[in-house]
Amino acid sequence: MNKKNTAIFVLATIGVILFVTVYGILLPRMEREDQVYAAQQTDPLTHNIEESIRYKNKYMGNAGNLSGLIHSLPLGNIESELELFPDTLTANILYKSSTADITPELMERSLIYNATATFALIDNLQEIRYTFSDLSYVVSREDVEMWQGQADSPLINSPNKWRTEFQSKLEDSKYVDMGMKTLF
């Protein structure tokens, strides 16, 4: 009986130690890492394009797919609605927020990043309207292709090239200013 009680005590102690380790150390650490990663996804300088590549589609008419793409990109954390105009191959993203709620640098980088990524991933989309409560921005595939080169370039298929040949340029304020003047 004494050996049985000792075994039960040892197993209970191991169980408590494992419980405390998992719930007191490992899960909070994983939650913090998830929060850091989620915050990185809202910034075009640190966004991981690989999370968005799964939304690549030939047709803008797949509303669920396009909505998933929009929410996987920077500004995707802002509540929004999506309107599709298939006759003109246009998507209108209606943000339930004002541009004043977003720093100008983040707004401009995000608009350029999102437009480039969206045109690269949705083959027949021709125009995107980013509509906020106080301002609207309109960008066309043609303008992005003229400024960036072909929108569906191999950059999107190579996350490393995407980072080095496009994403890293968004750190340069002159590049961003030129992009805003050219595209919007």
C-alpha atoms as a PDB file:
ATOM      1  CA  MET A   1       0.000   0.000   0.000  1.00  0.00           C
ATOM      2  CA  ASN A   2       2.874   2.341   0.770  1.00  0.00           C
ATOM      3  CA  LYS A   3       4.404   1.824  -2.703  1.00  0.00           C
ATOM      4  CA  LYS A   4       0.998   2.470  -4.245  1.00  0.00           C
ATOM      5  CA  ASN A   5       0.608   5.774  -2.361  1.00  0.00           C
ATOM      6  CA  THR A   6       4.138   6.821  -3.297  1.00  0.00           C
ATOM      7  CA  ALA A   7       3.462   6.059  -6.970  1.00  0.00           C
ATOM      8  CA  ILE A   8       0.224   8.064  -6.875  1.00  0.00           C
ATOM      9  CA  PHE A   9       2.008  10.969  -5.186  1.00  0.00           C
ATOM     10  CA  VAL A  10       4.845  10.915  -7.756  1.00  0.00           C
ATOM     11  CA  LEU A  11       2.402  10.783 -10.681  1.00  0.00           C
ATOM     12  CA  ALA A  12       0.284  13.594  -9.204  1.00  0.00           C
ATOM     13  CA  THR A  13       3.409  15.721  -8.688  1.00  0.00           C
ATOM     14  CA  ILE A  14       4.529  15.107 -12.269  1.00  0.00           C
ATOM     15  CA  GLY A  15       1.022  16.005 -13.468  1.00  0.00           C
ATOM     16  CA  VAL A  16       1.024  19.285 -11.523  1.00  0.00           C
ATOM     17  CA  ILE A  17       4.506  20.175 -12.806  1.00  0.00           C
ATOM     18  CA  LEU A  18       3.469  19.463 -16.404  1.00  0.00           C
ATOM     19  CA  PHE A  19       0.231  21.435 -15.964  1.00  0.00           C
ATOM     20  CA  VAL A  20       2.085  24.466 -14.587  1.00  0.00           C
ATOM     21  CA  THR A  21       4.716  24.214 -17.332  1.00  0.00           C
ATOM     22  CA  VAL A  22       2.156  24.043 -20.138  1.00  0.00           C
ATOM     23  CA  TYR A  23      -0.389  26.559 -18.835  1.00  0.00           C
ATOM     24  CA  GLY A  24       1.954  28.862 -16.965  1.00  0.00           C
ATOM     25  CA  ILE A  25       4.928  29.019 -19.316  1.00  0.00           C
ATOM     26  CA  LEU A  26       4.455  27.471 -22.768  1.00  0.00           C
ATOM     27  CA  LEU A  27       0.949  28.691 -23.671  1.00  0.00           C
ATOM     28  CA  PRO A  28       1.559  32.322 -22.585  1.00  0.00           C
ATOM     29  CA  ARG A  29       4.830  32.328 -24.550  1.00  0.00           C
ATOM     30  CA  MET A  30       3.071  30.980 -27.648  1.00  0.00           C
ATOM     31  CA  GLU A  31       0.297  33.554 -27.236  1.00  0.00           C
ATOM     32  CA  ARG A  32       2.849  36.402 -27.048  1.00  0.00           C
ATOM     33  CA  GLU A  33       4.585  35.097 -30.180  1.00  0.00           C
ATOM     34  CA  ASP A  34       1.218  34.945 -31.975  1.00  0.00           C
ATOM     35  CA  GLN A  35       0.458  38.540 -30.946  1.00  0.00           C
ATOM     36  CA  VAL A  36       3.847  39.741 -32.212  1.00  0.00           C
ATOM     37  CA  TYR A  37       3.337  37.897 -35.507  1.00  0.00           C
ATOM     38  CA  ALA A  38      -0.189  39.323 -35.904  1.00  0.00           C
ATOM     39  CA  ALA A  39       1.170  42.831 -35.313  1.00  0.00           C
ATOM     40  CA  GLN A  40       3.866  42.246 -37.946  1.00  0.00           C
ATOM     41  CA  GLN A  41       1.186  41.317 -40.477  1.00  0.00           C
ATOM     42  CA  THR A  42      -0.399  44.780 -40.186  1.00  0.00           C
ATOM     43  CA  ASP A  43       2.790  46.522 -41.313  1.00  0.00           C
ATOM     44  CA  PRO A  44       3.849  46.346 -44.980  1.00  0.00           C
ATOM     45  CA  LEU A  45       7.515  46.395 -43.952  1.00  0.00           C
ATOM     46  CA  THR A  46       7.189  43.165 -41.956  1.00  0.00           C
ATOM     47  CA  HIS A  47       4.203  41.476 -43.621  1.00  0.00           C
ATOM     48  CA  ASN A  48       4.796  37.863 -44.659  1.00  0.00           C
ATOM     49  CA  ILE A  49       3.492  37.599 -48.244  1.00  0.00           C
ATOM     50  CA  GLU A  50       3.497  33.807 -47.989  1.00  0.00           C
ATOM     51  CA  GLU A  51       0.336  34.072 -45.859  1.00  0.00           C
ATOM     52  CA  SER A  52      -1.430  35.805 -48.756  1.00  0.00           C
ATOM     53  CA  ILE A  53      -0.186  33.704 -51.683  1.00  0.00           C
ATOM     54  CA  ARG A  54      -2.775  31.017 -50.934  1.00  0.00           C
ATOM     55  CA  TYR A  55      -5.443  33.478 -52.137  1.00  0.00           C
ATOM     56  CA  LYS A  56      -4.020  33.620 -55.678  1.00  0.00           C
ATOM     57  CA  ASN A  57      -6.909  33.291 -58.125  1.00  0.00           C
ATOM     58  CA  LYS A  58      -7.633  33.965 -61.770  1.00  0.00           C
ATOM     59  CA  TYR A  59     -10.964  35.618 -61.033  1.00  0.00           C
ATOM     60  CA  MET A  60     -11.966  38.520 -58.815  1.00  0.00           C
ATOM     61  CA  GLY A  61     -15.529  37.144 -58.685  1.00  0.00           C
ATOM     62  CA  ASN A  62     -14.581  34.661 -55.980  1.00  0.00           C
ATOM     63  CA  ALA A  63     -15.694  37.046 -53.221  1.00  0.00           C
ATOM     64  CA  GLY A  64     -14.724  34.787 -50.333  1.00  0.00           C
ATOM     65  CA  ASN A  65     -11.223  34.379 -51.705  1.00  0.00           C
ATOM     66  CA  LEU A  66     -10.802  38.095 -52.429  1.00  0.00           C
ATOM     67  CA  SER A  67     -12.102  38.975 -48.970  1.00  0.00           C
ATOM     68  CA  GLY A  68      -9.628  36.531 -47.417  1.00  0.00           C
ATOM     69  CA  LEU A  69      -6.819  38.152 -49.397  1.00  0.00           C
ATOM     70  CA  ILE A  70      -7.820  41.676 -48.330  1.00  0.00           C
ATOM     71  CA  HIS A  71      -7.915  40.607 -44.676  1.00  0.00           C
ATOM     72  CA  SER A  72      -4.523  38.870 -44.929  1.00  0.00           C
ATOM     73  CA  LEU A  73      -2.789  42.074 -46.062  1.00  0.00           C
ATOM     74  CA  PRO A  74      -1.844  45.201 -44.090  1.00  0.00           C
ATOM     75  CA  LEU A  75      -4.986  47.214 -43.217  1.00  0.00           C
ATOM     76  CA  GLY A  76      -6.764  43.846 -43.017  1.00  0.00           C
ATOM     77  CA  ASN A  77      -7.191  44.379 -39.289  1.00  0.00           C
ATOM     78  CA  ILE A  78      -9.516  47.342 -39.964  1.00  0.00           C
ATOM     79  CA  GLU A  79     -13.185  46.408 -40.196  1.00  0.00           C
ATOM     80  CA  SER A  80     -14.301  46.596 -43.815  1.00  0.00           C
ATOM     81  CA  GLU A  81     -16.826  45.476 -46.387  1.00  0.00           C
ATOM     82  CA  LEU A  82     -16.145  44.381 -49.938  1.00  0.00           C
ATOM     83  CA  GLU A  83     -18.137  45.405 -53.000  1.00  0.00           C
ATOM     84  CA  LEU A  84     -17.446  43.772 -56.349  1.00  0.00           C
ATOM     85  CA  PHE A  85     -18.324  45.266 -59.711  1.00  0.00           C
ATOM     86  CA  PRO A  86     -17.818  42.419 -62.203  1.00  0.00           C
ATOM     87  CA  ASP A  87     -18.757  44.525 -65.244  1.00  0.00           C
ATOM     88  CA  THR A  88     -15.740  46.768 -64.699  1.00  0.00           C
ATOM     89  CA  LEU A  89     -13.596  44.176 -62.847  1.00  0.00           C
ATOM     90  CA  THR A  90     -13.426  46.531 -59.867  1.00  0.00           C
ATOM     91  CA  ALA A  91     -13.267  45.867 -56.144  1.00  0.00           C
ATOM     92  CA  ASN A  92     -14.325  48.510 -53.646  1.00  0.00           C
ATOM     93  CA  ILE A  93     -13.029  48.030 -50.117  1.00  0.00           C
ATOM     94  CA  LEU A  94     -15.149  50.075 -47.723  1.00  0.00           C
ATOM     95  CA  TYR A  95     -13.209  50.638 -44.509  1.00  0.00           C
ATOM     96  CA  LYS A  96     -15.224  51.516 -41.423  1.00  0.00           C
ATOM     97  CA  SER A  97     -12.497  53.869 -40.307  1.00  0.00           C
ATOM     98  CA  SER A  98     -11.011  57.233 -41.142  1.00  0.00           C
ATOM     99  CA  THR A  99      -7.570  57.822 -42.605  1.00  0.00           C
ATOM    100  CA  ALA A 100      -6.913  60.011 -39.558  1.00  0.00           C
ATOM    101  CA  ASP A 101      -6.890  56.818 -37.453  1.00  0.00           C
ATOM    102  CA  ILE A 102      -3.812  55.562 -39.337  1.00  0.00           C
ATOM    103  CA  THR A 103      -0.398  57.188 -39.510  1.00  0.00           C
ATOM    104  CA  PRO A 104       0.236  58.670 -42.979  1.00  0.00           C
ATOM    105  CA  GLU A 105       3.390  56.579 -43.486  1.00  0.00           C
ATOM    106  CA  LEU A 106       1.606  53.336 -42.661  1.00  0.00           C
ATOM    107  CA  MET A 107      -1.374  54.309 -44.822  1.00  0.00           C
ATOM    108  CA  GLU A 108       0.723  55.107 -47.887  1.00  0.00           C
ATOM    109  CA  ARG A 109       2.964  52.055 -47.573  1.00  0.00           C
ATOM    110  CA  SER A 110      -0.068  49.831 -47.028  1.00  0.00           C
ATOM    111  CA  LEU A 111      -1.947  51.183 -50.043  1.00  0.00           C
ATOM    112  CA  ILE A 112       1.037  50.616 -52.342  1.00  0.00           C
ATOM    113  CA  TYR A 113       1.776  47.191 -50.852  1.00  0.00           C
ATOM    114  CA  ASN A 114      -1.849  46.033 -50.910  1.00  0.00           C
ATOM    115  CA  ALA A 115      -2.479  47.221 -54.466  1.00  0.00           C
ATOM    116  CA  THR A 116       0.678  45.535 -55.758  1.00  0.00           C
ATOM    117  CA  ALA A 117      -0.053  42.275 -53.931  1.00  0.00           C
ATOM    118  CA  THR A 118      -3.735  42.213 -54.885  1.00  0.00           C
ATOM    119  CA  PHE A 119      -3.099  42.777 -58.586  1.00  0.00           C
ATOM    120  CA  ALA A 120      -0.320  40.184 -58.512  1.00  0.00           C
ATOM    121  CA  LEU A 121      -2.610  37.600 -56.929  1.00  0.00           C
ATOM    122  CA  ILE A 122      -5.956  38.268 -58.656  1.00  0.00           C
ATOM    123  CA  ASP A 123      -5.432  37.939 -62.393  1.00  0.00           C
ATOM    124  CA  ASN A 124      -8.488  39.676 -63.852  1.00  0.00           C
ATOM    125  CA  LEU A 125      -8.938  42.478 -61.306  1.00  0.00           C
ATOM    126  CA  GLN A 126      -8.506  45.828 -63.077  1.00  0.00           C
ATOM    127  CA  GLU A 127      -9.239  48.464 -60.424  1.00  0.00           C
ATOM    128  CA  ILE A 128      -9.330  48.768 -56.648  1.00  0.00           C
ATOM    129  CA  ARG A 129     -11.045  51.501 -54.663  1.00  0.00           C
ATOM    130  CA  TYR A 130      -9.923  51.896 -51.069  1.00  0.00           C
ATOM    131  CA  THR A 131     -12.774  53.866 -49.478  1.00  0.00           C
ATOM    132  CA  PHE A 132     -12.419  55.302 -45.983  1.00  0.00           C
ATOM    133  CA  SER A 133     -14.981  57.456 -44.186  1.00  0.00           C
ATOM    134  CA  ASP A 134     -13.104  60.628 -45.162  1.00  0.00           C
ATOM    135  CA  LEU A 135     -11.110  59.773 -48.330  1.00  0.00           C
ATOM    136  CA  SER A 136     -10.999  57.357 -51.239  1.00  0.00           C
ATOM    137  CA  TYR A 137      -8.045  56.056 -53.203  1.00  0.00           C
ATOM    138  CA  VAL A 138      -8.402  54.467 -56.639  1.00  0.00           C
ATOM    139  CA  VAL A 139      -5.674  52.447 -58.319  1.00  0.00           C
ATOM    140  CA  SER A 140      -5.671  50.568 -61.609  1.00  0.00           C
ATOM    141  CA  ARG A 141      -3.775  47.482 -62.677  1.00  0.00           C
ATOM    142  CA  GLU A 142      -2.388  49.445 -65.617  1.00  0.00           C
ATOM    143  CA  ASP A 143      -0.838  52.072 -63.326  1.00  0.00           C
ATOM    144  CA  VAL A 144       0.690  49.441 -61.031  1.00  0.00           C
ATOM    145  CA  GLU A 145       2.101  47.547 -64.016  1.00  0.00           C
ATOM    146  CA  MET A 146       3.607  50.726 -65.451  1.00  0.00           C
ATOM    147  CA  TRP A 147       5.149  51.672 -62.111  1.00  0.00           C
ATOM    148  CA  GLN A 148       6.236  48.261 -60.793  1.00  0.00           C
ATOM    149  CA  GLY A 149       6.580  46.303 -63.967  1.00  0.00           C
ATOM    150  CA  GLN A 150       4.144  43.530 -64.747  1.00  0.00           C
ATOM    151  CA  ALA A 151       1.800  43.128 -61.740  1.00  0.00           C
ATOM    152  CA  ASP A 152       1.761  39.345 -61.939  1.00  0.00           C
ATOM    153  CA  SER A 153       5.530  39.239 -62.038  1.00  0.00           C
ATOM    154  CA  PRO A 154       7.492  36.314 -60.659  1.00  0.00           C
ATOM    155  CA  LEU A 155       8.130  38.430 -57.549  1.00  0.00           C
ATOM    156  CA  ILE A 156       4.942  37.115 -55.974  1.00  0.00           C
ATOM    157  CA  ASN A 157       6.078  33.531 -56.575  1.00  0.00           C
ATOM    158  CA  SER A 158       9.341  34.104 -54.736  1.00  0.00           C
ATOM    159  CA  PRO A 159       8.853  35.536 -51.242  1.00  0.00           C
ATOM    160  CA  ASN A 160      12.574  36.326 -51.007  1.00  0.00           C
ATOM    161  CA  LYS A 161      12.490  38.358 -54.235  1.00  0.00           C
ATOM    162  CA  TRP A 162       9.266  40.006 -53.052  1.00  0.00           C
ATOM    163  CA  ARG A 163      11.054  41.142 -49.872  1.00  0.00           C
ATOM    164  CA  THR A 164      14.269  42.306 -51.521  1.00  0.00           C
ATOM    165  CA  GLU A 165      12.977  43.768 -54.789  1.00  0.00           C
ATOM    166  CA  PHE A 166       9.719  45.329 -53.604  1.00  0.00           C
ATOM    167  CA  GLN A 167       8.943  45.219 -49.889  1.00  0.00           C
ATOM    168  CA  SER A 168      12.303  46.614 -48.752  1.00  0.00           C
ATOM    169  CA  LYS A 169      11.851  49.629 -51.067  1.00  0.00           C
ATOM    170  CA  LEU A 170       8.864  50.703 -48.956  1.00  0.00           C
ATOM    171  CA  GLU A 171      11.334  51.788 -46.254  1.00  0.00           C
ATOM    172  CA  ASP A 172      12.407  54.634 -48.568  1.00  0.00           C
ATOM    173  CA  SER A 173      10.047  57.603 -48.134  1.00  0.00           C
ATOM    174  CA  LYS A 174      10.952  58.941 -51.606  1.00  0.00           C
ATOM    175  CA  TYR A 175       9.896  55.632 -53.163  1.00  0.00           C
ATOM    176  CA  VAL A 176       6.611  55.743 -51.242  1.00  0.00           C
ATOM    177  CA  ASP A 177       5.966  59.397 -52.192  1.00  0.00           C
ATOM    178  CA  MET A 178       6.607  58.607 -55.856  1.00  0.00           C
ATOM    179  CA  GLY A 179       4.333  55.580 -55.619  1.00  0.00           C
ATOM    180  CA  MET A 180       1.487  57.610 -54.150  1.00  0.00           C
ATOM    181  CA  LYS A 181       1.838  60.292 -56.831  1.00  0.00           C
ATOM    182  CA  THR A 182       2.021  57.725 -59.623  1.00  0.00           C
ATOM    183  CA  LEU A 183      -0.642  55.285 -58.472  1.00  0.00           C
ATOM    184  CA  PHE A 184      -3.305  57.245 -56.591  1.00  0.00           C
END
